[in-house]
Amino acid sequence: MTALAIVFLALAIVILWGGLVASILYLRARPERADYPPGGEDDERPAHAIIERDT
């Protein structure tokens, strides 16, 4: 392998694994979203209702 290929390989490894580590650290610091938009909790339809489509 040439020196340029090794540099690009190392760069790709740092970018990929660094992104994974950064994502893990971010999720450990903020594990769950606290501000959901209002609504969407309860559904007015019965549990086993027929699906209604507007087509």
C-alpha atoms as a PDB file:
ATOM      1  CA  MET A   1       0.000   0.000   0.000  1.00  0.00           C
ATOM      2  CA  THR A   2       1.169   3.480  -0.706  1.00  0.00           C
ATOM      3  CA  ALA A   3       1.502   6.169   1.938  1.00  0.00           C
ATOM      4  CA  LEU A   4      -1.480   8.023   0.516  1.00  0.00           C
ATOM      5  CA  ALA A   5      -3.669   4.922   0.788  1.00  0.00           C
ATOM      6  CA  ILE A   6      -2.636   4.407   4.418  1.00  0.00           C
ATOM      7  CA  VAL A   7      -3.420   8.044   5.230  1.00  0.00           C
ATOM      8  CA  PHE A   8      -6.858   7.778   3.664  1.00  0.00           C
ATOM      9  CA  LEU A   9      -7.479   4.487   5.485  1.00  0.00           C
ATOM     10  CA  ALA A  10      -6.540   6.060   8.816  1.00  0.00           C
ATOM     11  CA  LEU A  11      -8.705   9.105   8.067  1.00  0.00           C
ATOM     12  CA  ALA A  12     -11.709   6.930   7.222  1.00  0.00           C
ATOM     13  CA  ILE A  13     -11.255   4.881  10.404  1.00  0.00           C
ATOM     14  CA  VAL A  14     -11.027   8.027  12.545  1.00  0.00           C
ATOM     15  CA  ILE A  15     -14.134   9.540  10.943  1.00  0.00           C
ATOM     16  CA  LEU A  16     -16.253   6.390  11.241  1.00  0.00           C
ATOM     17  CA  TRP A  17     -15.231   5.255  14.722  1.00  0.00           C
ATOM     18  CA  GLY A  18     -15.050   8.831  15.976  1.00  0.00           C
ATOM     19  CA  GLY A  19     -18.621   9.420  14.865  1.00  0.00           C
ATOM     20  CA  LEU A  20     -19.726   6.258  16.617  1.00  0.00           C
ATOM     21  CA  VAL A  21     -17.987   7.255  19.845  1.00  0.00           C
ATOM     22  CA  ALA A  22     -19.407  10.790  19.643  1.00  0.00           C
ATOM     23  CA  SER A  23     -22.916   9.400  19.121  1.00  0.00           C
ATOM     24  CA  ILE A  24     -22.610   7.064  22.090  1.00  0.00           C
ATOM     25  CA  LEU A  25     -21.338   9.852  24.334  1.00  0.00           C
ATOM     26  CA  TYR A  26     -24.140  12.169  23.211  1.00  0.00           C
ATOM     27  CA  LEU A  27     -26.802   9.533  23.917  1.00  0.00           C
ATOM     28  CA  ARG A  28     -25.300   8.790  27.325  1.00  0.00           C
ATOM     29  CA  ALA A  29     -25.479  12.491  28.230  1.00  0.00           C
ATOM     30  CA  ARG A  30     -29.048  12.959  26.926  1.00  0.00           C
ATOM     31  CA  PRO A  31     -30.714   9.531  26.943  1.00  0.00           C
ATOM     32  CA  GLU A  32     -34.340  10.537  26.418  1.00  0.00           C
ATOM     33  CA  ARG A  33     -36.041  13.476  24.797  1.00  0.00           C
ATOM     34  CA  ALA A  34     -38.037  15.506  27.309  1.00  0.00           C
ATOM     35  CA  ASP A  35     -39.883  17.982  25.075  1.00  0.00           C
ATOM     36  CA  TYR A  36     -42.366  16.206  22.868  1.00  0.00           C
ATOM     37  CA  PRO A  37     -45.009  18.204  20.976  1.00  0.00           C
ATOM     38  CA  PRO A  38     -48.478  18.298  22.534  1.00  0.00           C
ATOM     39  CA  GLY A  39     -50.996  15.643  21.555  1.00  0.00           C
ATOM     40  CA  GLY A  40     -50.489  12.246  20.088  1.00  0.00           C
ATOM     41  CA  GLU A  41     -50.771  10.471  23.422  1.00  0.00           C
ATOM     42  CA  ASP A  42     -54.351   9.188  23.251  1.00  0.00           C
ATOM     43  CA  ASP A  43     -56.114   7.869  20.194  1.00  0.00           C
ATOM     44  CA  GLU A  44     -59.864   8.318  19.828  1.00  0.00           C
ATOM     45  CA  ARG A  45     -60.319   5.107  17.826  1.00  0.00           C
ATOM     46  CA  PRO A  46     -61.197   1.786  19.444  1.00  0.00           C
ATOM     47  CA  ALA A  47     -58.361  -0.695  19.796  1.00  0.00           C
ATOM     48  CA  HIS A  48     -59.501  -3.056  17.026  1.00  0.00           C
ATOM     49  CA  ALA A  49     -61.344  -0.708  14.692  1.00  0.00           C
ATOM     50  CA  ILE A  50     -61.522  -1.095  10.946  1.00  0.00           C
ATOM     51  CA  ILE A  51     -58.953   1.045   9.163  1.00  0.00           C
ATOM     52  CA  GLU A  52     -60.682   3.913   7.353  1.00  0.00           C
ATOM     53  CA  ARG A  53     -59.014   5.328   4.265  1.00  0.00           C
ATOM     54  CA  ASP A  54     -59.916   8.484   2.361  1.00  0.00           C
ATOM     55  CA  THR A  55     -59.261   7.064  -1.097  1.00  0.00           C
END
